[in-house]
């Protein structure tokens, strides 16, 4: 193994994941929607040509996975063209449809365009709980049908679940449903109260329940039938590290692999439907305007003051700036902003008391 050179400059930050909100239009009315999306068209969304030029700029300096999201990305008539163009540039490309338009024919088109995975959201173990959360009767059946089409067509898919008081008791059942459906991964999101989700602020689970839920998910990391990924819960990484050194767990499952801390502004970025760049979809603080910068994503990525602040974890406020896990966790910046109006504030839903900087 080659030893690190202490005088060598640190590796530059490069995006590993970029979520591009190709449209904000969506036929559903999900209670937690960060975009408060509606089914009607939105003005100012990128043209096909602008989308291609954006992808050119991104591919010129990095090879991040492009997440084509929305709204409902399949409402764009050029979605397969954009996916294929990204694929030809060498950018791994995935998509996050709501499920309504996923059938055998569309799965084949996705595969021909180079898409290698889709995510389908299931927020309840039954039609009653899922449809109530999604705001449209029949949404559960649509989601199940989408997973079945993906499985028939040999297209990889994962299940996303937004965790709230509404479905916390069903989380284990949703996980088992994901396994039965043949999902490759189960990806729970811990609610961030932004967009329409602000109306669900009272649906957030308590910090103590949050910790217990993350510890339960960490126990599931040892499963071999599905991969566990946890999003919008950066202190999951701390829990995995604690589990890794606990007696009997030194070699358990995938210790620390399922948690990456907050990647916003460090390895992840979000591009809105009108080209505003953010550290993630849940923190609407603008980091740059792509149209104003000639679609030069790299310029925004490397010079945005917000991105620079995200990368300087030692300057985070409160206990997050003091925590010994700050470099692998960082706290949720969007949740901090939603609850304190300060995106550098301490993660409000973390009960861990730091032992001091290291």
Protein backbone atom coordinates (compact mmCIF):
# COMPACT_ATOMS: atom_id res chain seq x y z
CA UNK A 1 0.00 0.00 0.00
CA UNK A 2 1.35 3.43 -0.95
CA UNK A 3 1.70 5.86 1.93
CA UNK A 4 0.06 9.25 1.61
CA UNK A 5 2.40 12.16 1.04
CA UNK A 6 1.62 14.76 3.74
CA UNK A 7 2.85 17.55 1.48
CA UNK A 8 0.63 16.48 -1.40
CA UNK A 9 -2.35 18.73 -2.16
CA UNK A 10 -5.69 17.20 -1.12
CA UNK A 11 -7.85 15.65 -3.81
CA UNK A 12 -10.24 18.22 -5.30
CA UNK A 13 -13.94 17.86 -4.57
CA UNK A 14 -15.69 16.21 -7.49
CA UNK A 15 -19.40 15.51 -7.88
CA UNK A 16 -20.23 11.81 -7.64
CA UNK A 17 -24.01 12.26 -7.81
CA UNK A 18 -26.08 14.99 -9.46
CA UNK A 19 -29.86 15.03 -9.20
CA UNK A 20 -31.34 16.97 -12.10
CA UNK A 21 -34.98 17.96 -11.73
CA UNK A 22 -35.72 17.72 -15.44
CA UNK A 23 -39.29 18.89 -14.81
CA UNK A 24 -41.32 19.90 -11.78
CA UNK A 25 -44.63 18.73 -13.25
CA UNK A 26 -46.10 15.65 -11.55
CA UNK A 27 -49.51 13.92 -11.53
CA UNK A 28 -49.28 13.06 -7.82
CA UNK A 29 -49.82 15.31 -4.78
CA UNK A 30 -47.49 13.77 -2.22
CA UNK A 31 -47.75 15.27 1.24
CA UNK A 32 -43.98 15.44 1.68
CA UNK A 33 -43.10 16.84 -1.76
CA UNK A 34 -40.14 19.24 -1.44
CA UNK A 35 -41.23 20.90 -4.71
CA UNK A 36 -44.98 21.14 -3.94
CA UNK A 37 -45.30 19.90 -7.52
CA UNK A 38 -48.48 20.23 -9.58
CA UNK A 39 -49.57 18.44 -12.77
CA UNK A 40 -49.55 21.55 -14.98
CA UNK A 41 -46.50 22.70 -17.02
CA UNK A 42 -43.84 24.96 -15.50
CA UNK A 43 -42.29 27.85 -17.39
CA UNK A 44 -38.54 28.15 -17.86
CA UNK A 45 -37.55 24.49 -17.86
CA UNK A 46 -34.49 23.54 -19.90
CA UNK A 47 -34.88 22.78 -23.58
CA UNK A 48 -33.41 19.58 -25.01
CA UNK A 49 -30.47 21.56 -26.40
CA UNK A 50 -29.80 23.23 -23.05
CA UNK A 51 -29.96 19.84 -21.35
CA UNK A 52 -27.38 18.40 -23.73
CA UNK A 53 -25.05 21.37 -23.27
CA UNK A 54 -25.37 21.02 -19.49
CA UNK A 55 -24.43 17.34 -19.73
CA UNK A 56 -21.47 18.27 -21.95
CA UNK A 57 -20.19 20.68 -19.30
CA UNK A 58 -20.58 18.12 -16.52
CA UNK A 59 -18.85 15.35 -18.48
CA UNK A 60 -15.94 17.69 -19.28
CA UNK A 61 -14.55 17.38 -15.74
CA UNK A 62 -16.33 14.57 -13.86
CA UNK A 63 -18.30 11.34 -14.27
CA UNK A 64 -21.08 11.60 -11.70
CA UNK A 65 -24.17 9.43 -11.74
CA UNK A 66 -26.95 11.57 -13.17
CA UNK A 67 -30.27 11.12 -11.36
CA UNK A 68 -33.08 12.25 -13.66
CA UNK A 69 -35.78 13.26 -11.24
CA UNK A 70 -38.78 15.55 -10.91
CA UNK A 71 -41.66 16.03 -10.53
CA UNK A 72 -42.27 13.15 -12.88
CA UNK A 73 -39.34 12.93 -15.32
CA UNK A 74 -41.33 10.72 -17.68
CA UNK A 75 -43.59 13.69 -18.48
CA UNK A 76 -40.75 15.10 -20.58
CA UNK A 77 -41.10 13.90 -24.16
CA UNK A 78 -37.31 14.02 -24.59
CA UNK A 79 -36.44 12.10 -21.41
CA UNK A 80 -35.04 9.09 -23.28
CA UNK A 81 -33.02 11.36 -25.56
CA UNK A 82 -31.47 13.09 -22.55
CA UNK A 83 -30.76 9.77 -20.85
CA UNK A 84 -29.15 8.35 -23.98
CA UNK A 85 -27.06 11.48 -24.46
CA UNK A 86 -25.76 11.28 -20.89
CA UNK A 87 -25.00 7.59 -21.38
CA UNK A 88 -23.03 8.31 -24.57
CA UNK A 89 -20.96 10.86 -22.65
CA UNK A 90 -19.99 8.15 -20.18
CA UNK A 91 -22.23 9.43 -17.37
CA UNK A 92 -24.04 6.66 -15.45
CA UNK A 93 -27.72 7.53 -15.58
CA UNK A 94 -30.67 6.53 -13.38
CA UNK A 95 -34.22 7.84 -13.03
CA UNK A 96 -36.79 8.45 -10.29
CA UNK A 97 -40.29 8.06 -11.81
CA UNK A 98 -43.47 7.96 -9.74
CA UNK A 99 -44.47 4.67 -11.35
CA UNK A 100 -47.58 5.72 -13.23
CA UNK A 101 -45.95 5.51 -16.67
CA UNK A 102 -43.63 2.56 -16.06
CA UNK A 103 -44.70 -0.46 -18.10
CA UNK A 104 -43.03 -3.15 -20.20
CA UNK A 105 -42.58 -0.83 -23.21
CA UNK A 106 -41.11 2.05 -21.21
CA UNK A 107 -38.74 -0.30 -19.38
CA UNK A 108 -37.36 -1.45 -22.74
CA UNK A 109 -36.94 2.18 -23.83
CA UNK A 110 -35.13 2.97 -20.57
CA UNK A 111 -32.72 0.11 -21.11
CA UNK A 112 -32.05 1.11 -24.74
CA UNK A 113 -31.35 4.67 -23.54
CA UNK A 114 -28.72 3.40 -21.10
CA UNK A 115 -30.62 3.73 -17.86
CA UNK A 116 -29.38 1.07 -15.45
CA UNK A 117 -31.66 1.66 -12.45
CA UNK A 118 -34.88 3.37 -11.40
CA UNK A 119 -36.26 4.19 -7.97
CA UNK A 120 -39.90 3.68 -7.03
CA UNK A 121 -41.33 5.25 -3.88
CA UNK A 122 -43.47 3.17 -1.53
CA UNK A 123 -44.52 5.00 1.63
CA UNK A 124 -46.86 2.43 3.14
CA UNK A 125 -47.06 -1.32 3.37
CA UNK A 126 -50.69 -1.20 2.19
CA UNK A 127 -52.65 0.71 -0.41
CA UNK A 128 -54.49 2.61 2.32
CA UNK A 129 -51.39 4.07 3.97
CA UNK A 130 -49.43 4.63 0.74
CA UNK A 131 -52.29 6.28 -1.15
CA UNK A 132 -53.11 8.54 1.80
CA UNK A 133 -49.51 9.77 1.80
CA UNK A 134 -49.25 10.10 -1.97
CA UNK A 135 -52.55 11.92 -2.32
CA UNK A 136 -53.88 9.84 -5.25
CA UNK A 137 -56.09 6.72 -5.05
CA UNK A 138 -54.45 3.81 -6.84
CA UNK A 139 -50.90 5.12 -6.35
CA UNK A 140 -49.90 1.95 -4.49
CA UNK A 141 -51.08 -0.29 -7.31
CA UNK A 142 -49.19 1.90 -9.81
CA UNK A 143 -45.99 1.62 -7.78
CA UNK A 144 -46.28 -2.17 -7.46
CA UNK A 145 -47.03 -2.52 -11.18
CA UNK A 146 -43.95 -0.41 -11.97
CA UNK A 147 -41.68 -2.68 -9.93
CA UNK A 148 -43.16 -5.75 -11.60
CA UNK A 149 -42.53 -4.27 -15.06
CA UNK A 150 -38.95 -3.43 -14.11
CA UNK A 151 -38.39 -6.92 -12.79
CA UNK A 152 -39.87 -8.56 -15.91
CA UNK A 153 -37.67 -6.37 -18.09
CA UNK A 154 -34.48 -6.99 -16.14
CA UNK A 155 -34.12 -3.36 -15.05
CA UNK A 156 -32.62 -2.82 -11.61
CA UNK A 157 -34.82 -0.88 -9.18
CA UNK A 158 -34.73 0.32 -5.59
CA UNK A 159 -37.53 1.26 -3.19
CA UNK A 160 -37.52 4.72 -1.60
CA UNK A 161 -39.52 5.40 1.56
CA UNK A 162 -39.97 8.72 3.34
CA UNK A 163 -40.11 7.92 7.06
CA UNK A 164 -42.64 9.82 9.19
CA UNK A 165 -44.93 9.07 12.12
CA UNK A 166 -47.46 8.10 9.43
CA UNK A 167 -45.54 4.97 8.43
CA UNK A 168 -42.90 4.38 11.11
CA UNK A 169 -44.73 1.33 12.47
CA UNK A 170 -44.83 -0.11 8.93
CA UNK A 171 -41.15 0.37 8.14
CA UNK A 172 -40.23 -3.28 8.71
CA UNK A 173 -43.18 -4.40 6.58
CA UNK A 174 -42.16 -2.01 3.76
CA UNK A 175 -38.65 -3.45 3.88
CA UNK A 176 -40.00 -7.00 3.59
CA UNK A 177 -42.28 -5.90 0.75
CA UNK A 178 -39.24 -4.45 -1.04
CA UNK A 179 -37.49 -7.82 -0.74
CA UNK A 180 -40.51 -9.70 -2.09
CA UNK A 181 -40.78 -7.31 -5.03
CA UNK A 182 -37.15 -7.99 -5.94
CA UNK A 183 -35.66 -4.56 -5.21
CA UNK A 184 -31.88 -4.38 -5.12
CA UNK A 185 -31.91 -1.71 -2.41
CA UNK A 186 -34.16 -0.21 0.26
CA UNK A 187 -33.60 3.52 0.60
CA UNK A 188 -35.40 5.19 3.54
CA UNK A 189 -35.40 9.01 3.58
CA UNK A 190 -35.79 10.77 6.92
CA UNK A 191 -38.29 13.60 6.40
CA UNK A 192 -36.93 17.10 5.81
CA UNK A 193 -39.80 19.61 6.26
CA UNK A 194 -39.43 21.65 3.07
CA UNK A 195 -41.81 22.38 0.20
CA UNK A 196 -45.17 20.70 0.81
CA UNK A 197 -43.36 18.77 3.54
CA UNK A 198 -43.51 21.88 5.76
CA UNK A 199 -47.11 20.91 6.42
CA UNK A 200 -45.78 17.61 7.81
CA UNK A 201 -43.50 19.20 10.41
CA UNK A 202 -45.63 17.57 13.07
CA UNK A 203 -45.16 14.20 11.34
CA UNK A 204 -41.42 14.11 11.96
CA UNK A 205 -40.43 11.35 14.32
CA UNK A 206 -38.77 12.49 17.53
CA UNK A 207 -34.96 12.70 17.76
CA UNK A 208 -35.04 9.68 20.09
CA UNK A 209 -37.19 7.66 17.69
CA UNK A 210 -34.93 8.86 14.87
CA UNK A 211 -31.91 7.36 16.67
CA UNK A 212 -33.74 4.10 17.37
CA UNK A 213 -34.86 3.85 13.74
CA UNK A 214 -31.34 4.38 12.46
CA UNK A 215 -30.02 1.73 14.85
CA UNK A 216 -32.67 -0.70 13.62
CA UNK A 217 -31.66 0.04 10.02
CA UNK A 218 -28.01 -0.52 10.93
CA UNK A 219 -28.96 -3.98 12.16
CA UNK A 220 -30.46 -4.68 8.72
CA UNK A 221 -27.08 -3.99 7.07
CA UNK A 222 -26.16 -7.61 7.73
CA UNK A 223 -28.92 -8.86 5.42
CA UNK A 224 -27.83 -10.48 2.18
CA UNK A 225 -31.17 -10.23 0.34
CA UNK A 226 -31.22 -6.44 -0.06
CA UNK A 227 -28.90 -3.47 0.32
CA UNK A 228 -29.79 -0.76 2.84
CA UNK A 229 -29.17 2.87 1.90
CA UNK A 230 -30.20 5.70 4.18
CA UNK A 231 -30.69 9.28 2.94
CA UNK A 232 -31.13 12.60 4.76
CA UNK A 233 -29.82 11.01 7.96
CA UNK A 234 -26.08 11.72 7.92
CA UNK A 235 -25.56 10.62 11.51
CA UNK A 236 -26.36 7.10 10.30
CA UNK A 237 -22.65 6.98 9.47
CA UNK A 238 -21.80 7.60 13.11
CA UNK A 239 -24.14 4.79 14.16
CA UNK A 240 -22.52 2.40 11.69
CA UNK A 241 -19.09 3.31 13.00
CA UNK A 242 -20.24 2.67 16.56
CA UNK A 243 -21.69 -0.67 15.51
CA UNK A 244 -18.49 -1.57 13.68
CA UNK A 245 -16.40 -1.45 16.86
CA UNK A 246 -19.02 -3.04 19.12
CA UNK A 247 -18.18 -6.54 20.41
CA UNK A 248 -19.31 -9.17 17.95
CA UNK A 249 -19.72 -6.71 15.06
CA UNK A 250 -16.13 -6.17 13.99
CA UNK A 251 -16.80 -7.87 10.65
CA UNK A 252 -20.57 -7.62 10.45
CA UNK A 253 -22.26 -7.15 7.09
CA UNK A 254 -21.14 -3.98 5.37
CA UNK A 255 -20.01 -1.87 8.32
CA UNK A 256 -19.96 1.82 7.49
CA UNK A 257 -20.64 1.14 3.79
CA UNK A 258 -24.31 2.09 3.97
CA UNK A 259 -23.72 5.56 5.40
CA UNK A 260 -21.90 8.40 3.75
CA UNK A 261 -22.85 11.39 5.84
CA UNK A 262 -24.13 14.55 4.17
CA UNK A 263 -22.74 14.68 0.62
CA UNK A 264 -24.41 18.00 -0.24
CA UNK A 265 -21.89 20.36 -1.80
CA UNK A 266 -19.10 17.83 -1.31
CA UNK A 267 -19.99 14.98 -3.66
CA UNK A 268 -23.64 15.72 -4.46
CA UNK A 269 -25.50 18.60 -6.06
CA UNK A 270 -29.06 19.30 -7.15
CA UNK A 271 -30.13 21.18 -10.28
CA UNK A 272 -33.64 22.62 -10.22
CA UNK A 273 -36.08 22.58 -13.10
CA UNK A 274 -35.01 26.11 -14.06
CA UNK A 275 -31.28 25.61 -13.60
CA UNK A 276 -30.68 26.78 -10.06
CA UNK A 277 -27.90 24.76 -8.40
CA UNK A 278 -28.32 23.72 -4.76
CA UNK A 279 -26.42 21.45 -2.37
CA UNK A 280 -29.51 19.20 -2.36
CA UNK A 281 -33.17 19.30 -3.26
CA UNK A 282 -34.21 20.07 0.31
CA UNK A 283 -32.10 23.21 0.83
CA UNK A 284 -33.34 25.84 -1.59
CA UNK A 285 -30.46 28.24 -0.96
CA UNK A 286 -29.15 29.02 -4.44
CA UNK A 287 -25.50 28.20 -5.14
CA UNK A 288 -25.55 29.45 -8.71
CA UNK A 289 -27.69 29.98 -11.81
CA UNK A 290 -26.68 27.78 -14.74
CA UNK A 291 -28.23 29.98 -17.39
CA UNK A 292 -26.43 33.02 -15.99
CA UNK A 293 -23.17 31.06 -16.06
CA UNK A 294 -23.61 29.73 -19.58
CA UNK A 295 -24.52 26.24 -18.27
CA UNK A 296 -21.02 25.94 -16.80
CA UNK A 297 -21.75 23.62 -13.89
CA UNK A 298 -18.05 23.26 -13.07
CA UNK A 299 -17.68 26.99 -12.40
CA UNK A 300 -20.52 26.91 -9.88
CA UNK A 301 -19.27 23.68 -8.29
CA UNK A 302 -15.78 25.09 -7.77
CA UNK A 303 -16.54 28.71 -6.86
CA UNK A 304 -19.90 28.80 -5.05
CA UNK A 305 -19.53 30.28 -1.58
CA UNK A 306 -22.26 27.98 -0.27
CA UNK A 307 -20.39 24.92 -1.54
CA UNK A 308 -17.21 26.22 0.08
CA UNK A 309 -19.02 26.59 3.39
CA UNK A 310 -20.39 23.05 3.14
CA UNK A 311 -16.86 21.69 2.70
CA UNK A 312 -15.47 23.51 5.72
CA UNK A 313 -17.01 21.26 8.38
CA UNK A 314 -14.75 22.70 11.10
CA UNK A 315 -16.69 25.96 10.80
CA UNK A 316 -20.13 24.43 11.32
CA UNK A 317 -22.02 25.98 14.20
CA UNK A 318 -22.88 24.43 17.53
CA UNK A 319 -22.03 20.85 18.34
CA UNK A 320 -21.71 19.81 14.67
CA UNK A 321 -18.54 21.90 14.38
CA UNK A 322 -17.12 20.25 17.51
CA UNK A 323 -18.15 16.66 16.88
CA UNK A 324 -15.49 14.04 16.28
CA UNK A 325 -17.75 12.59 13.57
CA UNK A 326 -18.11 15.89 11.71
CA UNK A 327 -16.04 14.75 8.70
CA UNK A 328 -18.07 11.60 8.09
CA UNK A 329 -21.46 12.95 9.18
CA UNK A 330 -21.84 16.72 9.04
CA UNK A 331 -25.49 16.75 10.06
CA UNK A 332 -28.35 17.53 7.69
CA UNK A 333 -27.83 21.10 6.47
CA UNK A 334 -31.36 21.28 5.02
CA UNK A 335 -32.99 20.19 8.27
CA UNK A 336 -30.85 22.67 10.20
CA UNK A 337 -32.01 25.46 7.89
CA UNK A 338 -35.66 24.38 7.98
CA UNK A 339 -35.69 24.54 11.77
CA UNK A 340 -33.23 27.38 12.55
CA UNK A 341 -32.83 29.45 9.34
CA UNK A 342 -29.09 28.68 9.55
CA UNK A 343 -27.79 25.99 7.20
CA UNK A 344 -24.56 25.76 9.21
CA UNK A 345 -26.39 25.15 12.51
CA UNK A 346 -26.20 21.95 14.51
CA UNK A 347 -28.33 19.06 13.24
CA UNK A 348 -31.52 19.48 15.31
CA UNK A 349 -32.44 15.79 15.28
CA UNK A 350 -29.16 14.32 16.51
CA UNK A 351 -29.06 13.32 20.20
CA UNK A 352 -25.35 12.47 20.22
CA UNK A 353 -23.17 14.58 22.52
CA UNK A 354 -19.70 15.10 20.99
CA UNK A 355 -16.57 14.26 22.93
CA UNK A 356 -14.69 17.13 21.31
CA UNK A 357 -12.72 17.85 18.17
CA UNK A 358 -10.16 15.36 16.89
